[in-house]
Amino acid sequence: MRDIQMILERYGAWAANEGAGVGYSPIAGGFKGLLPPSGKSRPSCCDDDGLIINSAVACLKKKDPYLSMLLEWNYVHRIPVRNMGTKLGISHTLVLKRLQAAEGFIDGCLAMLNVPLEMDRYCQKENVYPPALKKLVEFQKAG
């Protein structure tokens, strides 16, 4: 089972590093390689995975731009949930509920596409509970 939050974290790192090709660059075109990278690098996904997830995000943006914006703020720009709630004038728990709905939409899109991602082997949920053992019960006749 995929861990959609981990997948979106990697997608956010990919999109933040201009993988998505959307948005405006903060650095002029001729000066790209001159500045050293700032901040810590995050684990990213490959271009193929990024484009697949980007298509799911585009579907979400067409259906509900508000949820798409929340995903972008949280995973690409790394804005904390409490700051998002303050900026939107709602509680952070409501932001979390809406983020969960957006994550579910993306997870559903990926499930419907039924395409394996290269990062699937790194982004699996662990089963916390061991499989239940079946008990054999014998009934005795009341006697």
N, C-alpha and C. Protein backbone atom coordinates (compact mmCIF):
# COMPACT_ATOMS: atom_id res chain seq x y z
N MET A 1 0.85 -1.17 0.00
CA MET A 1 0.00 0.00 0.00
C MET A 1 0.89 1.24 0.00
N ARG A 2 0.56 2.19 -0.85
CA ARG A 2 1.37 3.40 -0.98
C ARG A 2 1.14 4.36 0.19
N ASP A 3 2.20 5.02 0.59
CA ASP A 3 2.10 6.09 1.58
C ASP A 3 1.99 7.39 0.79
N ILE A 4 0.77 7.87 0.63
CA ILE A 4 0.54 9.01 -0.25
C ILE A 4 1.22 10.28 0.25
N GLN A 5 1.37 10.43 1.55
CA GLN A 5 2.04 11.62 2.07
C GLN A 5 3.52 11.61 1.71
N MET A 6 4.15 10.44 1.77
CA MET A 6 5.56 10.34 1.40
C MET A 6 5.73 10.57 -0.11
N ILE A 7 4.79 10.06 -0.88
CA ILE A 7 4.84 10.27 -2.33
C ILE A 7 4.69 11.75 -2.66
N LEU A 8 3.76 12.42 -1.98
CA LEU A 8 3.56 13.85 -2.23
C LEU A 8 4.74 14.68 -1.72
N GLU A 9 5.42 14.23 -0.67
CA GLU A 9 6.63 14.92 -0.21
C GLU A 9 7.69 14.89 -1.32
N ARG A 10 7.88 13.72 -1.91
CA ARG A 10 8.87 13.60 -2.98
C ARG A 10 8.43 14.39 -4.22
N TYR A 11 7.13 14.35 -4.51
CA TYR A 11 6.62 15.14 -5.64
C TYR A 11 6.84 16.64 -5.38
N GLY A 12 6.61 17.07 -4.14
CA GLY A 12 6.80 18.48 -3.80
C GLY A 12 8.24 18.92 -3.99
N ALA A 13 9.18 18.06 -3.62
CA ALA A 13 10.59 18.38 -3.84
C ALA A 13 10.90 18.46 -5.33
N TRP A 14 10.31 17.55 -6.10
CA TRP A 14 10.51 17.56 -7.55
C TRP A 14 9.93 18.83 -8.16
N ALA A 15 8.71 19.19 -7.74
CA ALA A 15 8.05 20.37 -8.30
C ALA A 15 8.76 21.65 -7.86
N ALA A 16 9.31 21.67 -6.65
CA ALA A 16 10.01 22.86 -6.17
C ALA A 16 11.32 23.08 -6.92
N ASN A 17 11.90 22.01 -7.43
CA ASN A 17 13.15 22.11 -8.19
C ASN A 17 12.88 22.26 -9.68
N GLU A 18 11.79 22.90 -10.01
CA GLU A 18 11.40 23.18 -11.39
C GLU A 18 11.12 21.93 -12.20
N GLY A 19 10.82 20.84 -11.55
CA GLY A 19 10.48 19.63 -12.28
C GLY A 19 9.16 19.78 -13.00
N ALA A 20 8.24 20.48 -12.38
CA ALA A 20 6.91 20.60 -12.97
C ALA A 20 6.91 21.62 -14.11
N GLY A 21 7.85 22.53 -14.11
CA GLY A 21 7.89 23.53 -15.17
C GLY A 21 6.78 24.54 -15.08
N VAL A 22 6.12 24.64 -13.93
CA VAL A 22 5.06 25.59 -13.75
C VAL A 22 5.53 26.70 -12.83
N GLY A 23 4.93 27.84 -12.96
CA GLY A 23 5.29 28.97 -12.11
C GLY A 23 6.46 29.74 -12.69
N TYR A 24 6.87 30.74 -11.95
CA TYR A 24 7.94 31.60 -12.40
C TYR A 24 9.20 31.32 -11.60
N SER A 25 10.31 31.38 -12.26
CA SER A 25 11.58 31.12 -11.60
C SER A 25 12.00 32.35 -10.79
N PRO A 26 12.51 32.16 -9.57
CA PRO A 26 12.94 33.30 -8.78
C PRO A 26 14.28 33.86 -9.24
N ILE A 27 14.97 33.15 -10.14
CA ILE A 27 16.28 33.58 -10.63
C ILE A 27 16.18 33.79 -12.13
N ALA A 28 16.82 34.83 -12.62
CA ALA A 28 16.81 35.11 -14.05
C ALA A 28 17.49 33.97 -14.80
N GLY A 29 17.11 33.78 -16.06
CA GLY A 29 17.56 32.63 -16.83
C GLY A 29 19.06 32.48 -16.96
N GLY A 30 19.80 33.55 -17.18
CA GLY A 30 21.24 33.46 -17.38
C GLY A 30 22.04 33.24 -16.10
N PHE A 31 21.40 33.38 -14.94
CA PHE A 31 22.11 33.29 -13.68
C PHE A 31 21.81 32.01 -12.91
N LYS A 32 21.23 31.02 -13.58
CA LYS A 32 20.79 29.79 -12.90
C LYS A 32 21.91 29.07 -12.17
N GLY A 33 23.03 28.80 -12.82
CA GLY A 33 24.09 27.99 -12.24
C GLY A 33 25.05 28.75 -11.36
N LEU A 34 24.90 30.05 -11.25
CA LEU A 34 25.87 30.85 -10.51
C LEU A 34 25.69 30.77 -9.00
N LEU A 35 24.46 30.65 -8.55
CA LEU A 35 24.20 30.63 -7.11
C LEU A 35 24.27 29.21 -6.57
N PRO A 36 24.88 29.03 -5.41
CA PRO A 36 24.90 27.69 -4.83
C PRO A 36 23.50 27.32 -4.34
N PRO A 37 23.20 26.04 -4.28
CA PRO A 37 21.87 25.64 -3.79
C PRO A 37 21.69 26.05 -2.34
N SER A 38 20.51 26.57 -2.04
CA SER A 38 20.25 27.03 -0.67
C SER A 38 19.39 26.01 0.05
N GLY A 39 19.61 25.89 1.33
CA GLY A 39 18.79 25.00 2.15
C GLY A 39 19.18 23.54 1.96
N LYS A 40 18.50 22.70 2.71
CA LYS A 40 18.76 21.27 2.63
C LYS A 40 17.99 20.68 1.46
N SER A 41 18.59 19.70 0.84
CA SER A 41 17.88 19.05 -0.26
C SER A 41 16.93 17.99 0.30
N ARG A 42 15.83 17.82 -0.38
CA ARG A 42 14.83 16.83 0.02
C ARG A 42 14.87 15.68 -0.95
N PRO A 43 14.50 14.49 -0.50
CA PRO A 43 14.42 13.38 -1.46
C PRO A 43 13.35 13.69 -2.50
N SER A 44 13.69 13.46 -3.75
CA SER A 44 12.81 13.80 -4.85
C SER A 44 12.44 12.55 -5.63
N CYS A 45 11.49 12.71 -6.52
CA CYS A 45 11.09 11.60 -7.38
C CYS A 45 11.69 11.81 -8.77
N CYS A 46 11.64 10.79 -9.59
CA CYS A 46 12.15 10.91 -10.95
C CYS A 46 11.14 11.70 -11.80
N ASP A 47 11.57 12.08 -12.99
CA ASP A 47 10.70 12.88 -13.86
C ASP A 47 9.44 12.12 -14.28
N ASP A 48 9.57 10.83 -14.54
CA ASP A 48 8.39 10.05 -14.95
C ASP A 48 7.33 10.03 -13.85
N ASP A 49 7.77 9.76 -12.61
CA ASP A 49 6.83 9.76 -11.49
C ASP A 49 6.25 11.15 -11.27
N GLY A 50 7.10 12.16 -11.36
CA GLY A 50 6.64 13.53 -11.16
C GLY A 50 5.58 13.94 -12.16
N LEU A 51 5.75 13.52 -13.41
CA LEU A 51 4.76 13.87 -14.44
C LEU A 51 3.45 13.13 -14.22
N ILE A 52 3.52 11.89 -13.75
CA ILE A 52 2.30 11.14 -13.47
C ILE A 52 1.52 11.79 -12.34
N ILE A 53 2.23 12.14 -11.26
CA ILE A 53 1.57 12.78 -10.12
C ILE A 53 1.09 14.17 -10.50
N ASN A 54 1.86 14.85 -11.34
CA ASN A 54 1.47 16.19 -11.79
C ASN A 54 0.16 16.13 -12.58
N SER A 55 -0.06 15.06 -13.34
CA SER A 55 -1.33 14.94 -14.07
C SER A 55 -2.49 14.73 -13.10
N ALA A 56 -2.25 13.99 -12.00
CA ALA A 56 -3.29 13.81 -10.99
C ALA A 56 -3.59 15.14 -10.28
N VAL A 57 -2.54 15.91 -10.02
CA VAL A 57 -2.73 17.22 -9.39
C VAL A 57 -3.48 18.16 -10.34
N ALA A 58 -3.21 18.04 -11.64
CA ALA A 58 -3.94 18.85 -12.62
C ALA A 58 -5.42 18.50 -12.64
N CYS A 59 -5.74 17.21 -12.49
CA CYS A 59 -7.15 16.80 -12.40
C CYS A 59 -7.80 17.39 -11.16
N LEU A 60 -7.07 17.38 -10.04
CA LEU A 60 -7.60 17.98 -8.81
C LEU A 60 -7.79 19.48 -8.99
N LYS A 61 -6.84 20.12 -9.66
CA LYS A 61 -6.94 21.57 -9.87
C LYS A 61 -8.16 21.93 -10.71
N LYS A 62 -8.49 21.06 -11.67
CA LYS A 62 -9.67 21.30 -12.50
C LYS A 62 -10.95 21.11 -11.68
N LYS A 63 -10.94 20.11 -10.80
CA LYS A 63 -12.13 19.81 -10.01
C LYS A 63 -12.28 20.75 -8.82
N ASP A 64 -11.20 21.00 -8.09
CA ASP A 64 -11.26 21.84 -6.89
C ASP A 64 -9.94 22.60 -6.73
N PRO A 65 -9.84 23.81 -7.28
CA PRO A 65 -8.59 24.57 -7.21
C PRO A 65 -8.15 24.88 -5.77
N TYR A 66 -9.10 24.99 -4.86
CA TYR A 66 -8.78 25.29 -3.46
C TYR A 66 -7.95 24.17 -2.84
N LEU A 67 -8.37 22.92 -3.04
CA LEU A 67 -7.62 21.79 -2.50
C LEU A 67 -6.26 21.66 -3.16
N SER A 68 -6.21 21.95 -4.44
CA SER A 68 -4.93 21.92 -5.15
C SER A 68 -3.96 22.96 -4.59
N MET A 69 -4.49 24.12 -4.26
CA MET A 69 -3.67 25.18 -3.66
C MET A 69 -3.12 24.73 -2.31
N LEU A 70 -3.96 24.06 -1.50
CA LEU A 70 -3.50 23.58 -0.20
C LEU A 70 -2.37 22.56 -0.36
N LEU A 71 -2.51 21.65 -1.34
CA LEU A 71 -1.44 20.69 -1.59
C LEU A 71 -0.16 21.39 -1.99
N GLU A 72 -0.27 22.38 -2.86
CA GLU A 72 0.92 23.11 -3.30
C GLU A 72 1.58 23.84 -2.14
N TRP A 73 0.79 24.49 -1.31
CA TRP A 73 1.35 25.20 -0.16
C TRP A 73 2.05 24.24 0.78
N ASN A 74 1.44 23.09 1.04
CA ASN A 74 1.97 22.16 2.03
C ASN A 74 3.18 21.39 1.52
N TYR A 75 3.11 20.86 0.31
CA TYR A 75 4.15 19.96 -0.18
C TYR A 75 5.22 20.63 -1.03
N VAL A 76 4.88 21.66 -1.79
CA VAL A 76 5.87 22.33 -2.63
C VAL A 76 6.54 23.46 -1.87
N HIS A 77 5.73 24.34 -1.28
CA HIS A 77 6.28 25.51 -0.58
C HIS A 77 6.59 25.24 0.89
N ARG A 78 6.15 24.10 1.41
CA ARG A 78 6.42 23.67 2.78
C ARG A 78 5.93 24.67 3.83
N ILE A 79 4.75 25.22 3.61
CA ILE A 79 4.14 26.13 4.58
C ILE A 79 3.50 25.28 5.67
N PRO A 80 3.79 25.55 6.94
CA PRO A 80 3.19 24.76 8.02
C PRO A 80 1.67 24.89 8.03
N VAL A 81 1.01 23.85 8.52
CA VAL A 81 -0.45 23.78 8.50
C VAL A 81 -1.06 24.91 9.34
N ARG A 82 -0.47 25.20 10.48
CA ARG A 82 -1.00 26.29 11.32
C ARG A 82 -0.90 27.64 10.61
N ASN A 83 0.18 27.88 9.90
CA ASN A 83 0.31 29.13 9.14
C ASN A 83 -0.72 29.20 8.02
N MET A 84 -0.98 28.06 7.39
CA MET A 84 -1.99 28.04 6.34
C MET A 84 -3.36 28.37 6.93
N GLY A 85 -3.67 27.80 8.09
CA GLY A 85 -4.94 28.08 8.74
C GLY A 85 -5.08 29.55 9.09
N THR A 86 -4.01 30.14 9.61
CA THR A 86 -4.03 31.57 9.96
C THR A 86 -4.23 32.42 8.71
N LYS A 87 -3.52 32.06 7.64
CA LYS A 87 -3.61 32.82 6.40
C LYS A 87 -5.01 32.74 5.79
N LEU A 88 -5.66 31.57 5.93
CA LEU A 88 -6.99 31.37 5.36
C LEU A 88 -8.11 31.75 6.32
N GLY A 89 -7.76 31.97 7.59
CA GLY A 89 -8.77 32.34 8.58
C GLY A 89 -9.61 31.17 9.06
N ILE A 90 -9.02 29.97 9.03
CA ILE A 90 -9.73 28.77 9.50
C ILE A 90 -8.81 28.03 10.46
N SER A 91 -9.35 27.05 11.17
CA SER A 91 -8.54 26.30 12.12
C SER A 91 -7.60 25.35 11.39
N HIS A 92 -6.51 25.00 12.07
CA HIS A 92 -5.56 24.07 11.45
C HIS A 92 -6.15 22.67 11.28
N THR A 93 -7.11 22.32 12.13
CA THR A 93 -7.74 21.01 11.97
C THR A 93 -8.58 20.95 10.70
N LEU A 94 -9.21 22.06 10.35
CA LEU A 94 -9.97 22.12 9.11
C LEU A 94 -9.03 22.05 7.90
N VAL A 95 -7.86 22.68 8.03
CA VAL A 95 -6.86 22.59 6.96
C VAL A 95 -6.42 21.14 6.81
N LEU A 96 -6.20 20.45 7.92
CA LEU A 96 -5.78 19.05 7.86
C LEU A 96 -6.85 18.16 7.23
N LYS A 97 -8.11 18.43 7.53
CA LYS A 97 -9.20 17.65 6.92
C LYS A 97 -9.25 17.86 5.41
N ARG A 98 -9.06 19.10 5.00
CA ARG A 98 -9.08 19.39 3.56
C ARG A 98 -7.85 18.82 2.86
N LEU A 99 -6.71 18.86 3.53
CA LEU A 99 -5.52 18.23 2.97
C LEU A 99 -5.72 16.73 2.81
N GLN A 100 -6.38 16.13 3.79
CA GLN A 100 -6.63 14.70 3.72
C GLN A 100 -7.55 14.37 2.53
N ALA A 101 -8.51 15.23 2.27
CA ALA A 101 -9.39 15.02 1.11
C ALA A 101 -8.59 15.14 -0.19
N ALA A 102 -7.70 16.12 -0.26
CA ALA A 102 -6.87 16.29 -1.45
C ALA A 102 -5.93 15.11 -1.64
N GLU A 103 -5.33 14.63 -0.56
CA GLU A 103 -4.44 13.47 -0.63
C GLU A 103 -5.21 12.23 -1.09
N GLY A 104 -6.42 12.09 -0.60
CA GLY A 104 -7.25 10.97 -1.01
C GLY A 104 -7.60 11.01 -2.48
N PHE A 105 -7.84 12.22 -2.99
CA PHE A 105 -8.13 12.38 -4.42
C PHE A 105 -6.93 11.95 -5.26
N ILE A 106 -5.75 12.41 -4.88
CA ILE A 106 -4.53 12.07 -5.63
C ILE A 106 -4.28 10.56 -5.54
N ASP A 107 -4.46 9.99 -4.36
CA ASP A 107 -4.27 8.55 -4.18
C ASP A 107 -5.27 7.78 -5.05
N GLY A 108 -6.50 8.26 -5.12
CA GLY A 108 -7.51 7.62 -5.96
C GLY A 108 -7.17 7.71 -7.44
N CYS A 109 -6.66 8.85 -7.86
CA CYS A 109 -6.24 9.00 -9.27
C CYS A 109 -5.12 8.03 -9.61
N LEU A 110 -4.14 7.92 -8.70
CA LEU A 110 -3.03 7.00 -8.95
C LEU A 110 -3.51 5.55 -8.96
N ALA A 111 -4.49 5.24 -8.09
CA ALA A 111 -5.03 3.88 -8.06
C ALA A 111 -5.80 3.58 -9.35
N MET A 112 -6.53 4.56 -9.86
CA MET A 112 -7.28 4.36 -11.10
C MET A 112 -6.36 4.20 -12.30
N LEU A 113 -5.24 4.92 -12.30
CA LEU A 113 -4.29 4.78 -13.40
C LEU A 113 -3.61 3.41 -13.37
N ASN A 114 -3.50 2.84 -12.17
CA ASN A 114 -2.91 1.51 -11.98
C ASN A 114 -1.53 1.41 -12.63
N VAL A 115 -0.75 2.47 -12.46
CA VAL A 115 0.60 2.49 -13.02
C VAL A 115 1.59 2.43 -11.86
N PRO A 116 2.59 1.56 -11.96
CA PRO A 116 3.58 1.49 -10.88
C PRO A 116 4.52 2.70 -10.96
N LEU A 117 4.82 3.26 -9.81
CA LEU A 117 5.78 4.36 -9.74
C LEU A 117 7.15 3.80 -9.36
N GLU A 118 8.20 4.46 -9.82
CA GLU A 118 9.53 4.00 -9.48
C GLU A 118 9.81 4.14 -7.99
N MET A 119 9.17 5.09 -7.34
CA MET A 119 9.43 5.31 -5.92
C MET A 119 8.53 4.46 -5.03
N ASP A 120 7.74 3.57 -5.60
CA ASP A 120 6.85 2.72 -4.80
C ASP A 120 7.61 1.87 -3.79
N ARG A 121 8.79 1.41 -4.16
CA ARG A 121 9.53 0.54 -3.23
C ARG A 121 10.03 1.30 -2.01
N TYR A 122 10.12 2.64 -2.11
CA TYR A 122 10.56 3.46 -0.98
C TYR A 122 9.39 4.04 -0.19
N CYS A 123 8.22 4.06 -0.78
CA CYS A 123 7.07 4.76 -0.20
C CYS A 123 5.93 3.81 0.14
N GLN A 124 6.23 2.75 0.81
CA GLN A 124 5.21 1.79 1.21
C GLN A 124 4.85 1.99 2.67
N LYS A 125 3.58 1.86 2.98
CA LYS A 125 3.14 1.89 4.37
C LYS A 125 3.47 0.56 5.01
N GLU A 126 3.93 0.62 6.23
CA GLU A 126 4.19 -0.61 6.95
C GLU A 126 2.92 -1.04 7.68
N ASN A 127 2.69 -2.32 7.71
CA ASN A 127 1.55 -2.84 8.44
C ASN A 127 1.93 -2.90 9.92
N VAL A 128 1.29 -2.09 10.72
CA VAL A 128 1.63 -2.00 12.13
C VAL A 128 1.13 -3.22 12.89
N TYR A 129 0.00 -3.72 12.48
CA TYR A 129 -0.60 -4.86 13.17
C TYR A 129 -0.21 -6.16 12.47
N PRO A 130 0.24 -7.14 13.23
CA PRO A 130 0.55 -8.43 12.60
C PRO A 130 -0.73 -9.10 12.15
N PRO A 131 -0.63 -9.96 11.14
CA PRO A 131 -1.85 -10.65 10.70
C PRO A 131 -2.42 -11.49 11.83
N ALA A 132 -3.71 -11.43 11.96
CA ALA A 132 -4.37 -12.15 13.05
C ALA A 132 -4.30 -13.65 12.80
N LEU A 133 -3.98 -14.37 13.84
CA LEU A 133 -3.95 -15.82 13.74
C LEU A 133 -5.35 -16.36 13.95
N LYS A 134 -5.71 -17.28 13.10
CA LYS A 134 -7.03 -17.88 13.24
C LYS A 134 -6.96 -18.97 14.31
N LYS A 135 -7.91 -18.93 15.18
CA LYS A 135 -7.95 -19.92 16.24
C LYS A 135 -8.94 -21.01 15.88
N LEU A 136 -8.54 -22.22 16.13
CA LEU A 136 -9.41 -23.35 15.90
C LEU A 136 -10.14 -23.62 17.20
N VAL A 137 -11.44 -23.51 17.13
CA VAL A 137 -12.24 -23.71 18.34
C VAL A 137 -13.04 -25.00 18.20
N GLU A 138 -12.91 -25.83 19.17
CA GLU A 138 -13.70 -27.06 19.18
C GLU A 138 -14.80 -26.93 20.20
N PHE A 139 -15.96 -27.31 19.78
CA PHE A 139 -17.09 -27.25 20.69
C PHE A 139 -17.33 -28.64 21.27
N GLN A 140 -17.61 -28.65 22.54
CA GLN A 140 -17.91 -29.94 23.18
C GLN A 140 -19.41 -30.01 23.42
N LYS A 141 -19.89 -31.21 23.36
CA LYS A 141 -21.32 -31.41 23.61
C LYS A 141 -21.58 -31.23 25.10
N ALA A 142 -22.63 -30.49 25.36
CA ALA A 142 -23.02 -30.32 26.79
C ALA A 142 -23.53 -31.66 27.28
N GLY A 143 -23.07 -32.05 28.37
CA GLY A 143 -23.44 -33.38 28.72
C GLY A 143 -23.74 -33.62 30.08
